[in-house]
């Protein structure tokens, strides 16, 4: 007889496993991103998450075998323990690696950059709009975050320009530290604002090193400057050099309009700053856009930010991961009825988790952590409640593997009984 069942203990334990997987996953993202390829990071991320969810579901059923029956606990528990790691960490982790490889591939033109030129305003007005020198602290944080295969140059400007740091590769820690120290030691503001002259110097740094390809300029200013836009921006547009701009509309509306136009003309983006202490986060967003290093659980930025293709690809990837997680639970319990309900439930849960990630991520660290927690908790809970919709056999729904094991035991018992009967007959 088949019955619809729900194990509230398993729902709770699965949620606990999902939260544990989330916490471990955040450590993996923080420690390994940038050190290892994203496909490896995502494989570890979802592999360990699946393991903890599977482990807690198994513990719940051991405590109270409501779904699979006491017969499973007595006869097949050892098999379930053996299947835990292969069906969760290995199967789901490998699938996540492959899906991340697909999601991280470029199927359209990317705005990725290997060279970044920081063009930073040191005019007299910055002493009022940025009294704590947050601009150069934000620039230093950006340099600290850059990958070792990148190059950076720093140009400061007011009435004139100064090359604080010529274009240099960040391949060594000593070089990176030297650039950061130059930025942190930068003090003093004076004079007017000549944005055109600053952009020409930034372009000259790229031209001198023959590094125009895959390059981005980040321009920050709080003021306005007379600028011949067509002639100034022509070489940037010809060489496909993007200019991302950062301005403060509360300080100078005319300057904001100019920065917006510069960004739009070159294919970059304009970022508005209301308070100087926001600049670190803004510079971090710009760096993420420049690298285009997409992964399944963080905000997608740059040229593919609004891409419908990558939106669908992320959601479908989470759907597949959720379905495989459900199938993993079915394999652990070796029960075809549970495998069906968990797989369908996991696919639905993965779909919901993918939508939460796609709509909620905003490149704000704390908020994005909350969004990932919601998505992973949802995935863990929804897949375990789908046993309500699919009836399971009261006998535990033994699969063919279980039946063969039981049949073998019965055959051995019958053979032993036959041998005893033969001996009695002979006697």
Protein backbone atom coordinates (compact mmCIF):
# COMPACT_ATOMS: atom_id res chain seq x y z
CA UNK A 1 0.00 0.00 0.00
CA UNK A 2 1.35 3.45 -0.96
CA UNK A 3 1.06 6.46 1.36
CA UNK A 4 1.88 10.16 1.19
CA UNK A 5 4.28 11.02 3.98
CA UNK A 6 6.16 14.02 5.31
CA UNK A 7 9.06 13.90 7.75
CA UNK A 8 9.17 17.23 9.58
CA UNK A 9 12.40 16.11 11.21
CA UNK A 10 13.98 15.64 7.77
CA UNK A 11 12.74 19.08 6.67
CA UNK A 12 14.35 20.62 9.74
CA UNK A 13 17.58 18.64 9.42
CA UNK A 14 17.82 19.45 5.71
CA UNK A 15 17.50 23.15 6.55
CA UNK A 16 20.28 22.80 9.12
CA UNK A 17 22.44 21.05 6.53
CA UNK A 18 21.71 23.82 4.02
CA UNK A 19 22.75 26.51 6.51
CA UNK A 20 25.97 24.62 7.31
CA UNK A 21 26.66 24.28 3.59
CA UNK A 22 26.02 28.01 3.15
CA UNK A 23 28.51 28.94 5.90
CA UNK A 24 31.21 26.63 4.53
CA UNK A 25 30.45 27.92 1.02
CA UNK A 26 30.98 31.53 2.09
CA UNK A 27 34.42 30.59 3.41
CA UNK A 28 35.18 28.89 0.09
CA UNK A 29 34.10 31.97 -1.86
CA UNK A 30 36.14 34.29 0.35
CA UNK A 31 39.31 32.21 0.50
CA UNK A 32 39.46 30.49 -2.89
CA UNK A 33 37.92 32.96 -5.38
CA UNK A 34 40.80 34.52 -7.30
CA UNK A 35 43.14 31.75 -6.19
CA UNK A 36 41.47 28.90 -8.12
CA UNK A 37 39.38 28.76 -11.31
CA UNK A 38 35.70 29.48 -10.81
CA UNK A 39 34.70 26.00 -12.03
CA UNK A 40 36.75 24.47 -9.21
CA UNK A 41 35.33 26.89 -6.64
CA UNK A 42 31.75 26.19 -7.70
CA UNK A 43 32.39 22.44 -7.69
CA UNK A 44 33.57 22.62 -4.08
CA UNK A 45 30.80 25.05 -3.18
CA UNK A 46 27.90 22.89 -4.32
CA UNK A 47 29.62 19.56 -3.60
CA UNK A 48 30.06 20.29 0.10
CA UNK A 49 26.58 21.86 0.25
CA UNK A 50 25.03 18.68 -1.15
CA UNK A 51 27.07 16.58 1.28
CA UNK A 52 25.82 18.44 4.36
CA UNK A 53 22.21 18.37 3.19
CA UNK A 54 22.48 14.64 2.43
CA UNK A 55 24.20 13.93 5.74
CA UNK A 56 21.55 15.71 7.79
CA UNK A 57 18.71 14.03 5.86
CA UNK A 58 20.32 10.64 6.51
CA UNK A 59 20.67 11.44 10.21
CA UNK A 60 16.99 12.48 10.34
CA UNK A 61 15.86 9.19 8.81
CA UNK A 62 18.12 7.20 11.15
CA UNK A 63 16.54 8.95 14.14
CA UNK A 64 13.00 8.52 12.80
CA UNK A 65 12.72 6.31 9.67
CA UNK A 66 9.33 7.71 8.70
CA UNK A 67 9.84 7.81 4.94
CA UNK A 68 11.90 4.68 4.24
CA UNK A 69 10.63 2.43 6.98
CA UNK A 70 12.29 0.45 9.79
CA UNK A 71 13.18 -2.30 7.34
CA UNK A 72 15.59 0.08 5.60
CA UNK A 73 17.22 1.04 8.88
CA UNK A 74 17.69 -2.60 9.87
CA UNK A 75 18.93 -3.96 6.54
CA UNK A 76 20.29 -1.21 4.26
CA UNK A 77 21.71 1.56 6.49
CA UNK A 78 25.28 0.49 5.73
CA UNK A 79 24.63 0.84 2.01
CA UNK A 80 23.24 4.37 2.58
CA UNK A 81 26.41 5.46 4.38
CA UNK A 82 28.51 4.12 1.51
CA UNK A 83 26.46 6.09 -1.03
CA UNK A 84 26.58 9.42 0.86
CA UNK A 85 29.81 10.90 -0.50
CA UNK A 86 29.64 9.56 -4.09
CA UNK A 87 26.05 10.65 -4.62
CA UNK A 88 26.35 14.11 -3.02
CA UNK A 89 29.84 15.59 -2.96
CA UNK A 90 31.08 13.79 -6.09
CA UNK A 91 28.00 13.73 -8.34
CA UNK A 92 26.65 17.18 -7.50
CA UNK A 93 30.13 18.71 -7.29
CA UNK A 94 31.16 17.44 -10.74
CA UNK A 95 27.87 18.61 -12.23
CA UNK A 96 28.39 22.08 -10.70
CA UNK A 97 31.89 22.24 -12.20
CA UNK A 98 30.55 21.49 -15.68
CA UNK A 99 27.68 23.94 -15.33
CA UNK A 100 30.06 26.66 -14.12
CA UNK A 101 32.34 26.05 -17.10
CA UNK A 102 29.32 26.62 -19.33
CA UNK A 103 28.09 29.66 -17.40
CA UNK A 104 31.57 31.19 -17.29
CA UNK A 105 32.13 30.80 -21.04
CA UNK A 106 31.77 33.87 -23.22
CA UNK A 107 29.09 33.48 -25.87
CA UNK A 108 29.00 37.20 -26.62
CA UNK A 109 31.40 40.15 -26.70
CA UNK A 110 32.83 40.80 -23.26
CA UNK A 111 34.07 43.99 -21.59
CA UNK A 112 36.91 42.17 -19.89
CA UNK A 113 40.06 44.13 -19.23
CA UNK A 114 43.65 43.19 -18.52
CA UNK A 115 44.83 46.79 -18.04
CA UNK A 116 43.22 49.46 -15.88
CA UNK A 117 44.20 53.14 -15.77
CA UNK A 118 42.94 55.06 -12.74
CA UNK A 119 42.46 58.77 -13.51
CA UNK A 120 41.82 60.53 -10.20
CA UNK A 121 40.82 64.12 -9.43
CA UNK A 122 43.02 66.11 -6.99
CA UNK A 123 41.51 69.53 -7.68
CA UNK A 124 40.82 71.96 -4.82
CA UNK A 125 37.13 71.07 -4.59
CA UNK A 126 38.01 67.50 -3.56
CA UNK A 127 39.11 68.80 -0.16
CA UNK A 128 35.43 69.53 0.51
CA UNK A 129 33.81 66.54 -1.23
CA UNK A 130 36.40 64.02 0.01
CA UNK A 131 38.01 65.38 3.19
CA UNK A 132 39.15 61.96 4.42
CA UNK A 133 40.88 61.03 1.14
CA UNK A 134 38.50 58.11 0.53
CA UNK A 135 39.19 58.25 -3.22
CA UNK A 136 42.76 57.01 -2.89
CA UNK A 137 41.82 54.47 -0.23
CA UNK A 138 39.21 53.09 -2.65
CA UNK A 139 41.80 53.01 -5.44
CA UNK A 140 44.23 51.16 -3.15
CA UNK A 141 41.56 48.59 -2.29
CA UNK A 142 40.92 48.10 -6.00
CA UNK A 143 44.61 47.48 -6.69
CA UNK A 144 44.74 45.04 -3.76
CA UNK A 145 41.84 43.10 -5.32
CA UNK A 146 43.31 42.92 -8.83
CA UNK A 147 44.53 39.60 -10.18
CA UNK A 148 48.25 39.07 -10.67
CA UNK A 149 47.89 38.90 -14.47
CA UNK A 150 46.73 42.53 -14.65
CA UNK A 151 48.47 45.85 -15.19
CA UNK A 152 47.60 49.19 -13.60
CA UNK A 153 48.54 52.83 -14.04
CA UNK A 154 47.54 55.84 -11.91
CA UNK A 155 47.17 59.40 -13.21
CA UNK A 156 46.21 62.31 -10.94
CA UNK A 157 45.00 65.64 -12.25
CA UNK A 158 43.90 69.18 -11.44
CA UNK A 159 45.16 72.05 -13.66
CA UNK A 160 47.88 69.67 -14.77
CA UNK A 161 48.46 65.93 -14.75
CA UNK A 162 50.88 63.74 -12.85
CA UNK A 163 51.69 60.09 -13.50
CA UNK A 164 51.66 58.72 -9.99
CA UNK A 165 52.30 55.20 -11.32
CA UNK A 166 53.22 54.28 -14.93
CA UNK A 167 51.55 51.16 -16.30
CA UNK A 168 53.01 48.22 -14.38
CA UNK A 169 52.27 44.50 -14.06
CA UNK A 170 51.02 43.32 -10.65
CA UNK A 171 52.79 39.99 -10.99
CA UNK A 172 54.70 40.37 -7.71
CA UNK A 173 53.59 41.28 -4.21
CA UNK A 174 56.35 43.86 -3.92
CA UNK A 175 55.08 45.75 -6.97
CA UNK A 176 51.47 45.61 -5.78
CA UNK A 177 52.47 46.89 -2.32
CA UNK A 178 54.49 49.72 -3.87
CA UNK A 179 51.52 50.90 -5.96
CA UNK A 180 49.19 50.70 -2.95
CA UNK A 181 51.62 52.70 -0.81
CA UNK A 182 51.85 55.45 -3.45
CA UNK A 183 48.06 55.73 -3.42
CA UNK A 184 47.79 55.81 0.36
CA UNK A 185 50.56 58.42 0.61
CA UNK A 186 48.81 60.76 -1.85
CA UNK A 187 47.78 63.96 -0.06
CA UNK A 188 46.89 67.51 -0.92
CA UNK A 189 44.36 69.00 -3.31
CA UNK A 190 44.66 72.23 -5.25
CA UNK A 191 43.80 73.92 -8.53
CA UNK A 192 41.10 73.43 -11.13
CA UNK A 193 39.80 70.49 -13.16
CA UNK A 194 41.11 69.55 -16.63
CA UNK A 195 39.47 66.25 -17.48
CA UNK A 196 40.49 66.32 -21.15
CA UNK A 197 44.17 66.64 -20.31
CA UNK A 198 43.86 63.81 -17.77
CA UNK A 199 42.23 61.46 -20.27
CA UNK A 200 44.95 62.18 -22.82
CA UNK A 201 47.61 61.27 -20.26
CA UNK A 202 45.76 58.07 -19.36
CA UNK A 203 45.62 57.12 -23.03
CA UNK A 204 49.32 57.94 -23.40
CA UNK A 205 50.16 55.42 -20.67
CA UNK A 206 48.43 52.68 -22.65
CA UNK A 207 49.95 53.77 -25.97
CA UNK A 208 53.47 53.94 -24.54
CA UNK A 209 53.25 50.29 -23.51
CA UNK A 210 51.27 49.27 -26.59
CA UNK A 211 48.51 48.05 -24.26
CA UNK A 212 45.35 49.54 -25.81
CA UNK A 213 43.71 46.15 -26.31
CA UNK A 214 41.54 44.89 -23.41
CA UNK A 215 41.99 48.11 -21.45
CA UNK A 216 39.69 50.17 -19.24
CA UNK A 217 39.97 53.69 -17.83
CA UNK A 218 38.35 54.60 -14.51
CA UNK A 219 37.80 58.38 -14.23
CA UNK A 220 36.71 59.99 -10.95
CA UNK A 221 35.98 63.70 -10.66
CA UNK A 222 33.68 65.98 -8.68
CA UNK A 223 33.80 68.92 -11.09
CA UNK A 224 33.17 70.17 -14.61
CA UNK A 225 35.66 70.83 -17.39
CA UNK A 226 35.30 72.32 -20.87
CA UNK A 227 35.90 69.38 -23.17
CA UNK A 228 35.82 68.74 -26.90
CA UNK A 229 34.10 65.39 -26.49
CA UNK A 230 34.31 64.08 -30.10
CA UNK A 231 38.06 64.68 -30.51
CA UNK A 232 38.97 63.67 -26.94
CA UNK A 233 37.06 60.40 -27.02
CA UNK A 234 37.77 59.42 -30.62
CA UNK A 235 40.97 57.42 -29.88
CA UNK A 236 39.26 55.61 -27.00
CA UNK A 237 36.35 54.62 -29.22
CA UNK A 238 38.62 53.58 -32.09
CA UNK A 239 40.60 51.28 -29.82
CA UNK A 240 37.55 50.03 -27.86
CA UNK A 241 38.86 51.39 -24.56
CA UNK A 242 35.98 51.72 -22.11
CA UNK A 243 35.81 54.67 -19.71
CA UNK A 244 33.87 54.09 -16.50
CA UNK A 245 33.20 57.35 -14.67
CA UNK A 246 32.46 58.17 -11.03
CA UNK A 247 30.97 61.52 -10.04
CA UNK A 248 29.11 63.37 -7.31
CA UNK A 249 25.89 64.90 -8.60
CA UNK A 250 25.30 66.77 -5.31
CA UNK A 251 28.54 68.69 -5.86
CA UNK A 252 28.29 69.59 -9.55
CA UNK A 253 25.35 68.68 -11.78
CA UNK A 254 27.13 69.90 -14.92
CA UNK A 255 30.13 67.73 -14.13
CA UNK A 256 27.84 64.75 -13.61
CA UNK A 257 26.28 65.28 -17.02
CA UNK A 258 29.73 65.40 -18.61
CA UNK A 259 30.85 62.19 -16.89
CA UNK A 260 27.65 60.43 -17.93
CA UNK A 261 28.27 61.42 -21.55
CA UNK A 262 31.91 60.26 -21.46
CA UNK A 263 30.87 56.85 -20.15
CA UNK A 264 28.01 56.48 -22.63
CA UNK A 265 30.15 57.47 -25.61
CA UNK A 266 32.82 54.86 -24.86
CA UNK A 267 30.55 52.00 -23.74
CA UNK A 268 31.34 52.41 -20.05
CA UNK A 269 29.06 53.13 -17.09
CA UNK A 270 28.56 56.15 -14.87
CA UNK A 271 28.42 55.66 -11.08
CA UNK A 272 27.07 58.35 -8.78
CA UNK A 273 28.48 58.80 -5.28
CA UNK A 274 26.45 60.62 -2.63
CA UNK A 275 29.11 60.30 0.06
CA UNK A 276 32.84 59.79 -0.33
CA UNK A 277 32.85 56.66 1.82
CA UNK A 278 30.81 54.89 -0.90
CA UNK A 279 33.71 54.96 -3.32
CA UNK A 280 35.32 51.73 -2.15
CA UNK A 281 32.18 49.78 -3.03
CA UNK A 282 31.86 51.58 -6.38
CA UNK A 283 35.46 50.84 -7.35
CA UNK A 284 34.92 47.21 -6.38
CA UNK A 285 31.91 47.01 -8.71
CA UNK A 286 33.92 48.54 -11.54
CA UNK A 287 36.68 46.00 -11.06
CA UNK A 288 34.22 43.12 -11.10
CA UNK A 289 32.73 44.49 -14.32
CA UNK A 290 36.16 44.79 -15.90
CA UNK A 291 37.07 41.15 -15.22
CA UNK A 292 33.79 39.48 -16.20
CA UNK A 293 34.59 36.55 -13.90
CA UNK A 294 31.07 35.13 -13.62
CA UNK A 295 30.05 32.44 -11.20
CA UNK A 296 26.71 30.86 -10.37
CA UNK A 297 26.22 32.45 -6.93
CA UNK A 298 27.45 36.05 -7.35
CA UNK A 299 26.17 39.08 -9.21
CA UNK A 300 26.75 39.12 -12.96
CA UNK A 301 28.21 42.42 -14.11
CA UNK A 302 29.52 44.08 -17.24
CA UNK A 303 28.38 43.37 -20.78
CA UNK A 304 26.38 40.32 -19.72
CA UNK A 305 24.66 41.94 -16.72
CA UNK A 306 21.29 42.22 -18.46
CA UNK A 307 21.77 39.20 -20.74
CA UNK A 308 18.63 37.04 -21.01
CA UNK A 309 20.81 34.13 -22.13
CA UNK A 310 22.91 34.15 -18.95
CA UNK A 311 19.80 34.74 -16.85
CA UNK A 312 18.24 31.57 -18.21
CA UNK A 313 21.53 29.69 -18.00
CA UNK A 314 21.96 30.48 -14.28
CA UNK A 315 18.38 29.47 -13.44
CA UNK A 316 18.59 26.25 -15.47
CA UNK A 317 21.94 25.42 -13.85
CA UNK A 318 20.44 25.73 -10.36
CA UNK A 319 17.45 23.67 -11.49
CA UNK A 320 19.81 20.87 -12.61
CA UNK A 321 21.85 21.08 -9.40
CA UNK A 322 18.65 20.92 -7.35
CA UNK A 323 17.36 17.94 -9.31
CA UNK A 324 20.65 16.09 -8.89
CA UNK A 325 20.65 16.83 -5.16
CA UNK A 326 17.19 15.26 -4.95
CA UNK A 327 18.37 12.26 -6.96
CA UNK A 328 21.33 11.95 -4.59
CA UNK A 329 18.94 11.57 -1.65
CA UNK A 330 17.06 8.90 -3.57
CA UNK A 331 20.31 7.04 -4.18
CA UNK A 332 21.30 7.31 -0.53
CA UNK A 333 18.03 5.75 0.57
CA UNK A 334 17.98 3.42 -2.48
CA UNK A 335 14.24 4.01 -2.82
CA UNK A 336 12.68 4.64 -6.24
CA UNK A 337 9.60 6.38 -4.79
CA UNK A 338 11.71 8.79 -2.75
CA UNK A 339 14.08 9.29 -5.68
CA UNK A 340 11.15 10.45 -7.80
CA UNK A 341 9.75 12.87 -5.21
CA UNK A 342 13.15 14.25 -4.16
CA UNK A 343 14.31 14.74 -7.77
CA UNK A 344 11.18 16.61 -8.82
CA UNK A 345 11.20 18.57 -5.57
CA UNK A 346 14.88 19.38 -6.01
CA UNK A 347 14.30 20.64 -9.55
CA UNK A 348 11.49 22.93 -8.36
CA UNK A 349 13.63 24.08 -5.43
CA UNK A 350 16.58 24.72 -7.75
CA UNK A 351 14.35 26.77 -10.04
CA UNK A 352 13.23 28.92 -7.12
CA UNK A 353 16.80 29.28 -5.81
CA UNK A 354 18.03 30.33 -9.25
CA UNK A 355 15.32 33.00 -9.51
CA UNK A 356 16.19 34.32 -6.04
CA UNK A 357 19.87 34.60 -6.98
CA UNK A 358 19.15 36.17 -10.36
CA UNK A 359 16.77 38.81 -9.00
CA UNK A 360 18.35 39.46 -5.60
CA UNK A 361 22.13 39.71 -6.08
CA UNK A 362 23.34 43.34 -6.19
CA UNK A 363 27.15 43.24 -5.68
CA UNK A 364 26.68 44.41 -2.07
CA UNK A 365 28.60 41.93 0.07
CA UNK A 366 26.30 41.64 3.10
CA UNK A 367 23.10 41.73 1.05
CA UNK A 368 24.43 39.13 -1.37
CA UNK A 369 25.30 36.82 1.53
CA UNK A 370 21.69 37.07 2.73
CA UNK A 371 20.40 36.33 -0.77
CA UNK A 372 22.61 33.23 -1.04
CA UNK A 373 21.41 32.08 2.40
CA UNK A 374 17.78 32.44 1.34
CA UNK A 375 18.39 30.59 -1.94
CA UNK A 376 20.26 27.68 -0.35
CA UNK A 377 17.81 27.38 2.55
CA UNK A 378 14.94 27.34 0.07
CA UNK A 379 16.67 24.62 -1.95
CA UNK A 380 17.18 22.46 1.15
CA UNK A 381 13.62 22.79 2.46
CA UNK A 382 11.51 22.58 -0.71
CA UNK A 383 13.05 19.34 -1.99
CA UNK A 384 12.23 17.52 1.28
CA UNK A 385 8.55 18.51 1.40
CA UNK A 386 7.76 17.02 -2.01
CA UNK A 387 7.29 13.58 -0.44
CA UNK A 388 3.79 14.88 0.36
CA UNK A 389 2.89 14.88 -3.33
CA UNK A 390 4.20 11.43 -4.28
CA UNK A 391 3.06 8.29 -2.45
CA UNK A 392 5.75 5.92 -1.19
CA UNK A 393 5.41 2.22 -0.51
CA UNK A 394 4.68 1.36 3.10
CA UNK A 395 7.30 -1.35 2.85
CA UNK A 396 9.97 1.19 2.12
CA UNK A 397 9.79 1.04 -1.68
CA UNK A 398 12.73 -1.29 -2.09
CA UNK A 399 14.60 -0.84 -5.32
CA UNK A 400 15.84 -3.65 -7.53
CA UNK A 401 19.21 -3.52 -5.74
CA UNK A 402 17.56 -3.99 -2.36
CA UNK A 403 15.32 -6.73 -3.75
CA UNK A 404 18.31 -8.60 -5.15
CA UNK A 405 20.05 -8.37 -1.80
CA UNK A 406 16.93 -9.60 0.00
CA UNK A 407 16.33 -12.32 -2.61
CA UNK A 408 19.89 -13.51 -2.21
CA UNK A 409 19.42 -13.79 1.52
CA UNK A 410 16.16 -15.69 1.07
CA UNK A 411 17.75 -18.03 -1.48
CA UNK A 412 20.60 -18.72 0.87
CA UNK A 413 18.08 -19.44 3.63
CA UNK A 414 16.06 -21.78 1.40
CA UNK A 415 19.22 -23.62 0.33
CA UNK A 416 20.23 -24.06 3.93
CA UNK A 417 16.74 -25.39 4.82
CA UNK A 418 16.89 -27.79 1.84
CA UNK A 419 20.25 -29.10 2.99
CA UNK A 420 18.85 -29.75 6.45
CA UNK A 421 15.87 -31.61 4.93
CA UNK A 422 18.20 -33.76 2.76
CA UNK A 423 20.25 -34.72 5.76
CA UNK A 424 17.12 -35.74 7.67
CA UNK A 425 15.97 -37.80 4.66
CA UNK A 426 19.32 -39.53 4.45
CA UNK A 427 19.12 -40.35 8.09
